């Protein structure tokens, strides 16, 4: 599905709506350039899962954890060199904990993503630099 977001608030709302369709163990794989709204989308997912607290980019921590039902594990792969680094920080443990894994810069670790991953691509709209085209594909129908 493809969506047009006119603001960060709309991007968050799309994330919140997607959260309702996720089940424990789901993986979201984000692609999109810096500043496109990946963390805003994750804020919406967190709200949809009932997570409390401020959702921030895990650029320097690699992963942020948020308590919800199910919990949310928000990864940023920008600073990792390969999926080997992801496995070194316990990727399989996170997958087995029954939470939702949201992975920014997922293309860096594509070979570590499960077959039923939900892909979320966020791009700038050609006619307005503040608008975003959000494409959601994959999931259980793969």
C-alpha atoms as a PDB file:
ATOM      1  CA  UNK A   1       0.000   0.000   0.000  1.00  0.00           C
ATOM      2  CA  UNK A   2       1.146   3.523  -0.716  1.00  0.00           C
ATOM      3  CA  UNK A   3       0.224   6.542   1.397  1.00  0.00           C
ATOM      4  CA  UNK A   4       0.857  10.268   1.161  1.00  0.00           C
ATOM      5  CA  UNK A   5       1.756  12.033   4.404  1.00  0.00           C
ATOM      6  CA  UNK A   6       1.589  15.817   4.582  1.00  0.00           C
ATOM      7  CA  UNK A   7       3.164  16.136   8.040  1.00  0.00           C
ATOM      8  CA  UNK A   8       5.051  14.372  10.811  1.00  0.00           C
ATOM      9  CA  UNK A   9       1.720  13.981  12.615  1.00  0.00           C
ATOM     10  CA  UNK A  10       0.222  12.132   9.638  1.00  0.00           C
ATOM     11  CA  UNK A  11       3.336   9.940   9.429  1.00  0.00           C
ATOM     12  CA  UNK A  12       2.931   9.076  13.122  1.00  0.00           C
ATOM     13  CA  UNK A  13      -0.748   8.296  12.571  1.00  0.00           C
ATOM     14  CA  UNK A  14       0.120   5.836   9.790  1.00  0.00           C
ATOM     15  CA  UNK A  15       2.534   4.119  12.173  1.00  0.00           C
ATOM     16  CA  UNK A  16      -0.174   3.948  14.812  1.00  0.00           C
ATOM     17  CA  UNK A  17      -2.624   2.410  12.333  1.00  0.00           C
ATOM     18  CA  UNK A  18      -0.055  -0.163  11.203  1.00  0.00           C
ATOM     19  CA  UNK A  19       0.602  -1.158  14.835  1.00  0.00           C
ATOM     20  CA  UNK A  20      -2.957  -2.462  15.085  1.00  0.00           C
ATOM     21  CA  UNK A  21      -2.205  -5.080  12.407  1.00  0.00           C
ATOM     22  CA  UNK A  22       1.065  -6.312  13.948  1.00  0.00           C
ATOM     23  CA  UNK A  23       1.451  -9.371  16.099  1.00  0.00           C
ATOM     24  CA  UNK A  24       4.166 -10.326  18.597  1.00  0.00           C
ATOM     25  CA  UNK A  25       7.363 -11.120  16.721  1.00  0.00           C
ATOM     26  CA  UNK A  26       6.655  -8.802  13.774  1.00  0.00           C
ATOM     27  CA  UNK A  27       9.617  -7.048  12.176  1.00  0.00           C
ATOM     28  CA  UNK A  28       9.358  -3.644  10.474  1.00  0.00           C
ATOM     29  CA  UNK A  29      12.204  -2.797   8.102  1.00  0.00           C
ATOM     30  CA  UNK A  30      12.525   0.896   7.258  1.00  0.00           C
ATOM     31  CA  UNK A  31      14.288   2.414   4.280  1.00  0.00           C
ATOM     32  CA  UNK A  32      14.572   6.084   3.449  1.00  0.00           C
ATOM     33  CA  UNK A  33      17.101   8.878   3.564  1.00  0.00           C
ATOM     34  CA  UNK A  34      18.098  10.830   6.651  1.00  0.00           C
ATOM     35  CA  UNK A  35      15.273  13.001   7.967  1.00  0.00           C
ATOM     36  CA  UNK A  36      12.472  11.269   6.074  1.00  0.00           C
ATOM     37  CA  UNK A  37      10.426  10.378   9.154  1.00  0.00           C
ATOM     38  CA  UNK A  38      11.463   6.862  10.174  1.00  0.00           C
ATOM     39  CA  UNK A  39      11.537   7.802  13.847  1.00  0.00           C
ATOM     40  CA  UNK A  40       8.228   9.705  13.526  1.00  0.00           C
ATOM     41  CA  UNK A  41       6.669   6.567  12.041  1.00  0.00           C
ATOM     42  CA  UNK A  42       8.085   4.568  14.963  1.00  0.00           C
ATOM     43  CA  UNK A  43       6.568   7.044  17.455  1.00  0.00           C
ATOM     44  CA  UNK A  44       3.212   6.188  15.941  1.00  0.00           C
ATOM     45  CA  UNK A  45       3.873   2.462  16.136  1.00  0.00           C
ATOM     46  CA  UNK A  46       4.845   2.895  19.793  1.00  0.00           C
ATOM     47  CA  UNK A  47       1.643   4.810  20.533  1.00  0.00           C
ATOM     48  CA  UNK A  48      -0.381   2.099  18.773  1.00  0.00           C
ATOM     49  CA  UNK A  49       1.273  -0.545  20.980  1.00  0.00           C
ATOM     50  CA  UNK A  50       0.567   1.435  24.144  1.00  0.00           C
ATOM     51  CA  UNK A  51       4.229   2.220  24.798  1.00  0.00           C
ATOM     52  CA  UNK A  52       4.909   4.976  27.303  1.00  0.00           C
ATOM     53  CA  UNK A  53       7.777   7.411  27.259  1.00  0.00           C
ATOM     54  CA  UNK A  54       9.513   9.491  24.639  1.00  0.00           C
ATOM     55  CA  UNK A  55      10.507   7.668  21.452  1.00  0.00           C
ATOM     56  CA  UNK A  56      13.869   8.844  20.133  1.00  0.00           C
ATOM     57  CA  UNK A  57      16.252   7.727  17.428  1.00  0.00           C
ATOM     58  CA  UNK A  58      18.579   4.952  18.623  1.00  0.00           C
ATOM     59  CA  UNK A  59      21.439   6.225  16.421  1.00  0.00           C
ATOM     60  CA  UNK A  60      24.011   6.190  19.222  1.00  0.00           C
ATOM     61  CA  UNK A  61      22.563   3.388  21.348  1.00  0.00           C
ATOM     62  CA  UNK A  62      21.763   1.050  18.394  1.00  0.00           C
ATOM     63  CA  UNK A  63      18.550  -0.159  20.114  1.00  0.00           C
ATOM     64  CA  UNK A  64      15.935   1.479  22.340  1.00  0.00           C
ATOM     65  CA  UNK A  65      13.372  -0.638  24.178  1.00  0.00           C
ATOM     66  CA  UNK A  66       9.842   0.533  24.995  1.00  0.00           C
ATOM     67  CA  UNK A  67       7.376  -1.263  27.261  1.00  0.00           C
ATOM     68  CA  UNK A  68       4.080  -1.954  25.546  1.00  0.00           C
ATOM     69  CA  UNK A  69       1.805  -4.812  24.614  1.00  0.00           C
ATOM     70  CA  UNK A  70       3.824  -6.186  22.943  1.00  0.00           C
ATOM     71  CA  UNK A  71       7.073  -4.313  23.665  1.00  0.00           C
ATOM     72  CA  UNK A  72       8.828  -2.354  20.932  1.00  0.00           C
ATOM     73  CA  UNK A  73      12.528  -2.735  20.085  1.00  0.00           C
ATOM     74  CA  UNK A  74      13.668   0.177  17.920  1.00  0.00           C
ATOM     75  CA  UNK A  75      16.954  -0.444  16.095  1.00  0.00           C
ATOM     76  CA  UNK A  76      19.167   1.892  14.074  1.00  0.00           C
ATOM     77  CA  UNK A  77      21.577   0.034  11.818  1.00  0.00           C
ATOM     78  CA  UNK A  78      23.302   3.141  10.435  1.00  0.00           C
ATOM     79  CA  UNK A  79      26.474   2.601  12.480  1.00  0.00           C
ATOM     80  CA  UNK A  80      26.673  -1.172  11.959  1.00  0.00           C
ATOM     81  CA  UNK A  81      28.928  -2.628   9.290  1.00  0.00           C
ATOM     82  CA  UNK A  82      26.950  -5.792   8.563  1.00  0.00           C
ATOM     83  CA  UNK A  83      24.373  -8.221   9.885  1.00  0.00           C
ATOM     84  CA  UNK A  84      27.205  -9.922  11.806  1.00  0.00           C
ATOM     85  CA  UNK A  85      27.280  -6.832  14.053  1.00  0.00           C
ATOM     86  CA  UNK A  86      23.515  -7.167  14.517  1.00  0.00           C
ATOM     87  CA  UNK A  87      23.847 -10.776  15.638  1.00  0.00           C
ATOM     88  CA  UNK A  88      26.636  -9.695  18.020  1.00  0.00           C
ATOM     89  CA  UNK A  89      24.191  -7.424  19.880  1.00  0.00           C
ATOM     90  CA  UNK A  90      21.648 -10.234  20.298  1.00  0.00           C
ATOM     91  CA  UNK A  91      19.322  -9.927  17.286  1.00  0.00           C
ATOM     92  CA  UNK A  92      18.051 -13.495  17.680  1.00  0.00           C
ATOM     93  CA  UNK A  93      17.248 -12.844  21.349  1.00  0.00           C
ATOM     94  CA  UNK A  94      15.177  -9.795  20.380  1.00  0.00           C
ATOM     95  CA  UNK A  95      13.324 -11.807  17.736  1.00  0.00           C
ATOM     96  CA  UNK A  96      12.514 -14.495  20.315  1.00  0.00           C
ATOM     97  CA  UNK A  97      11.235 -12.070  22.978  1.00  0.00           C
ATOM     98  CA  UNK A  98       7.865 -11.630  21.259  1.00  0.00           C
ATOM     99  CA  UNK A  99       8.089  -7.891  20.733  1.00  0.00           C
ATOM    100  CA  UNK A 100       7.918  -5.771  17.621  1.00  0.00           C
ATOM    101  CA  UNK A 101      11.314  -5.014  16.062  1.00  0.00           C
ATOM    102  CA  UNK A 102      11.439  -1.731  14.113  1.00  0.00           C
ATOM    103  CA  UNK A 103      14.683  -1.494  12.132  1.00  0.00           C
ATOM    104  CA  UNK A 104      15.926   1.777  10.650  1.00  0.00           C
ATOM    105  CA  UNK A 105      18.505   1.529   7.832  1.00  0.00           C
ATOM    106  CA  UNK A 106      17.386  -2.078   7.360  1.00  0.00           C
ATOM    107  CA  UNK A 107      19.126  -2.388   3.992  1.00  0.00           C
ATOM    108  CA  UNK A 108      22.420  -2.703   5.907  1.00  0.00           C
ATOM    109  CA  UNK A 109      21.215  -5.963   7.511  1.00  0.00           C
ATOM    110  CA  UNK A 110      18.793  -7.248   4.858  1.00  0.00           C
ATOM    111  CA  UNK A 111      20.148 -10.807   5.058  1.00  0.00           C
ATOM    112  CA  UNK A 112      19.183 -11.015   8.756  1.00  0.00           C
ATOM    113  CA  UNK A 113      15.512 -10.084   8.269  1.00  0.00           C
ATOM    114  CA  UNK A 114      12.831 -12.795   8.525  1.00  0.00           C
ATOM    115  CA  UNK A 115      10.799 -13.776   5.455  1.00  0.00           C
ATOM    116  CA  UNK A 116       7.609 -12.179   6.826  1.00  0.00           C
ATOM    117  CA  UNK A 117       9.182  -8.753   7.436  1.00  0.00           C
ATOM    118  CA  UNK A 118       6.977  -5.713   6.814  1.00  0.00           C
ATOM    119  CA  UNK A 119       8.873  -3.187   4.681  1.00  0.00           C
ATOM    120  CA  UNK A 120       8.238   0.532   5.160  1.00  0.00           C
ATOM    121  CA  UNK A 121       9.856   2.843   2.621  1.00  0.00           C
ATOM    122  CA  UNK A 122       9.627   6.594   3.262  1.00  0.00           C
ATOM    123  CA  UNK A 123      10.545   8.995   0.457  1.00  0.00           C
ATOM    124  CA  UNK A 124      10.219  12.716  -0.208  1.00  0.00           C
ATOM    125  CA  UNK A 125       7.380  13.629  -2.573  1.00  0.00           C
ATOM    126  CA  UNK A 126       8.561  15.162  -5.864  1.00  0.00           C
ATOM    127  CA  UNK A 127       6.135  18.114  -5.688  1.00  0.00           C
ATOM    128  CA  UNK A 128       6.622  19.161  -2.067  1.00  0.00           C
ATOM    129  CA  UNK A 129       9.723  18.530   0.052  1.00  0.00           C
ATOM    130  CA  UNK A 130       7.615  18.418   3.242  1.00  0.00           C
ATOM    131  CA  UNK A 131       5.359  15.615   1.995  1.00  0.00           C
ATOM    132  CA  UNK A 132       6.318  11.954   2.258  1.00  0.00           C
ATOM    133  CA  UNK A 133       5.345   8.922   0.221  1.00  0.00           C
ATOM    134  CA  UNK A 134       5.142   5.925   2.541  1.00  0.00           C
ATOM    135  CA  UNK A 135       5.025   2.486   0.932  1.00  0.00           C
ATOM    136  CA  UNK A 136       4.224  -0.540   3.102  1.00  0.00           C
ATOM    137  CA  UNK A 137       4.758  -4.030   1.676  1.00  0.00           C
ATOM    138  CA  UNK A 138       5.398  -7.575   2.848  1.00  0.00           C
ATOM    139  CA  UNK A 139       4.310  -9.194   6.027  1.00  0.00           C
ATOM    140  CA  UNK A 140       2.541 -12.504   6.476  1.00  0.00           C
ATOM    141  CA  UNK A 141       1.315 -12.570   2.867  1.00  0.00           C
ATOM    142  CA  UNK A 142       4.891 -13.148   1.627  1.00  0.00           C
END
